[in-house]
Protein backbone atom coordinates (compact mmCIF):
# COMPACT_ATOMS: atom_id res chain seq x y z
CA MET A 1 97.40 -43.76 -71.16
CA THR A 2 99.11 -40.71 -72.27
CA LEU A 3 101.39 -40.31 -75.15
CA SER A 4 104.16 -39.14 -72.55
CA ILE A 5 103.65 -41.99 -70.50
CA LYS A 6 103.93 -44.59 -73.20
CA VAL A 7 107.18 -43.21 -74.32
CA TYR A 8 108.57 -42.98 -70.91
CA LYS A 9 107.47 -46.74 -70.03
CA LYS A 10 108.98 -47.82 -73.21
CA LEU A 11 112.35 -45.66 -72.83
CA LEU A 12 112.71 -47.64 -69.64
CA GLN A 13 113.67 -50.74 -71.84
CA VAL A 14 116.75 -49.08 -73.14
CA PRO A 15 119.43 -50.60 -70.90
CA GLU A 16 122.62 -48.88 -69.62
CA GLY A 17 125.15 -48.41 -72.48
CA LYS A 18 122.56 -48.38 -75.19
CA ILE A 19 120.97 -45.84 -77.09
CA THR A 20 117.74 -45.56 -79.17
CA THR A 21 116.84 -42.88 -81.60
CA TYR A 22 113.76 -40.42 -81.93
CA GLY A 23 112.39 -42.15 -84.66
CA ASP A 24 112.91 -45.75 -83.26
CA LEU A 25 111.15 -44.68 -79.81
CA ALA A 26 108.26 -42.84 -81.88
CA ARG A 27 107.67 -46.17 -83.96
CA ALA A 28 107.87 -48.32 -80.81
CA VAL A 29 104.83 -46.53 -79.29
CA GLY A 30 103.13 -46.58 -82.58
CA VAL A 31 103.55 -42.98 -84.11
CA THR A 32 104.45 -42.66 -87.55
CA ASN A 33 107.12 -39.71 -88.12
CA GLY A 34 106.87 -38.90 -84.48
CA GLN A 35 110.72 -37.73 -84.07
CA ARG A 36 109.57 -34.39 -83.03
CA ALA A 37 107.16 -35.25 -80.50
CA ILE A 38 109.46 -37.57 -79.19
CA GLY A 39 111.70 -34.71 -78.49
CA SER A 40 109.10 -32.64 -77.03
CA ILE A 41 108.39 -35.23 -74.76
CA MET A 42 112.01 -35.70 -73.67
CA LYS A 43 112.19 -32.00 -73.16
CA LYS A 44 109.43 -32.52 -70.56
CA ASN A 45 110.56 -35.54 -68.67
CA PRO A 46 109.79 -34.74 -65.12
CA PHE A 47 112.05 -37.70 -64.25
CA PRO A 48 115.49 -37.53 -65.80
CA VAL A 49 117.10 -39.55 -63.19
CA LEU A 50 114.63 -42.18 -63.60
CA VAL A 51 113.62 -41.97 -66.89
CA PRO A 52 116.77 -42.28 -69.17
CA CYS A 53 115.98 -39.47 -71.94
CA HIS A 54 119.89 -39.19 -72.72
CA ARG A 55 119.93 -42.44 -74.20
CA VAL A 56 117.42 -41.00 -77.07
CA VAL A 57 119.76 -39.68 -79.99
CA GLN A 58 119.43 -38.60 -83.71
CA SER A 59 119.18 -41.38 -86.21
CA ASN A 60 122.41 -39.86 -88.06
CA GLY A 61 124.14 -40.80 -84.80
CA GLU A 62 125.00 -37.21 -83.30
CA ILE A 63 123.86 -37.04 -79.58
CA GLY A 64 121.24 -34.16 -80.26
CA GLY A 65 119.74 -31.92 -77.50
CA TYR A 66 119.08 -32.38 -74.09
CA ALA A 67 117.49 -30.15 -71.37
CA TYR A 68 120.26 -29.83 -69.13
CA GLY A 69 122.81 -29.17 -72.25
CA LYS A 70 124.82 -31.57 -74.40
CA LYS A 71 127.66 -31.34 -72.11
CA VAL A 72 125.82 -33.08 -69.52
CA LYS A 73 124.33 -35.71 -71.89
CA LEU A 74 127.76 -36.14 -73.11
CA HIS A 75 128.86 -36.99 -69.78
CA MET A 76 126.34 -39.17 -68.88
CA LEU A 77 126.47 -41.19 -72.21
CA SER A 78 130.06 -41.37 -71.65
CA LYS A 79 129.74 -42.84 -68.12
CA GLU A 80 127.62 -45.69 -69.40
CA GLY A 81 130.23 -46.58 -71.91
CA ILE A 82 129.05 -45.12 -75.02
CA LYS A 83 132.22 -43.54 -77.05
CA ILE A 84 131.67 -40.14 -78.85
CA ARG A 85 133.86 -38.55 -81.13
CA ASP A 86 133.01 -35.13 -82.46
CA GLY A 87 129.11 -35.30 -81.42
CA LYS A 88 128.62 -38.49 -82.95
CA ILE A 89 128.64 -42.06 -81.33
CA ILE A 90 131.22 -44.57 -82.29
CA ASP A 91 129.65 -47.95 -83.34
CA PHE A 92 126.42 -46.30 -83.21
CA ASN A 93 124.74 -49.50 -84.81
CA LYS A 94 126.30 -51.71 -82.04
CA LYS A 95 124.73 -49.31 -79.60
CA LYS A 96 121.77 -49.11 -80.83
CA PHE A 97 119.10 -50.70 -78.99
CA SER A 98 115.91 -52.79 -80.65
CA PHE A 99 112.65 -52.67 -79.25
C-alpha cells in the first residue's frame, strides 16, 4: 500500500466537525516529521469529496492551504461546525481528533 493510500484511509477516520493536523496525520501513518509530505499528498487528493482533506490543518490552529483555495476550505469547515476567527480555529484542542 502506498503512503498516499495509507494517509487517505487514515483521514477517513476523522469525523465531520473535527480536524487533525498535518503532523498528527503523519505520525498516525508512521512518518516522523512528515508534515510537508502530508501537505503534498493532500494537494494531490484525487477524491476530495470522499477523502476530507479540508479537515487537515496546521498545528498552530491556522486552517492552512487547500487545493481549491482557503475560502473553500473555510466554508467547508464552517459548514461542519468548526468556528474560525482570523484564519484560526476557535477551541482548536476541543475540535482536534486523536487517532
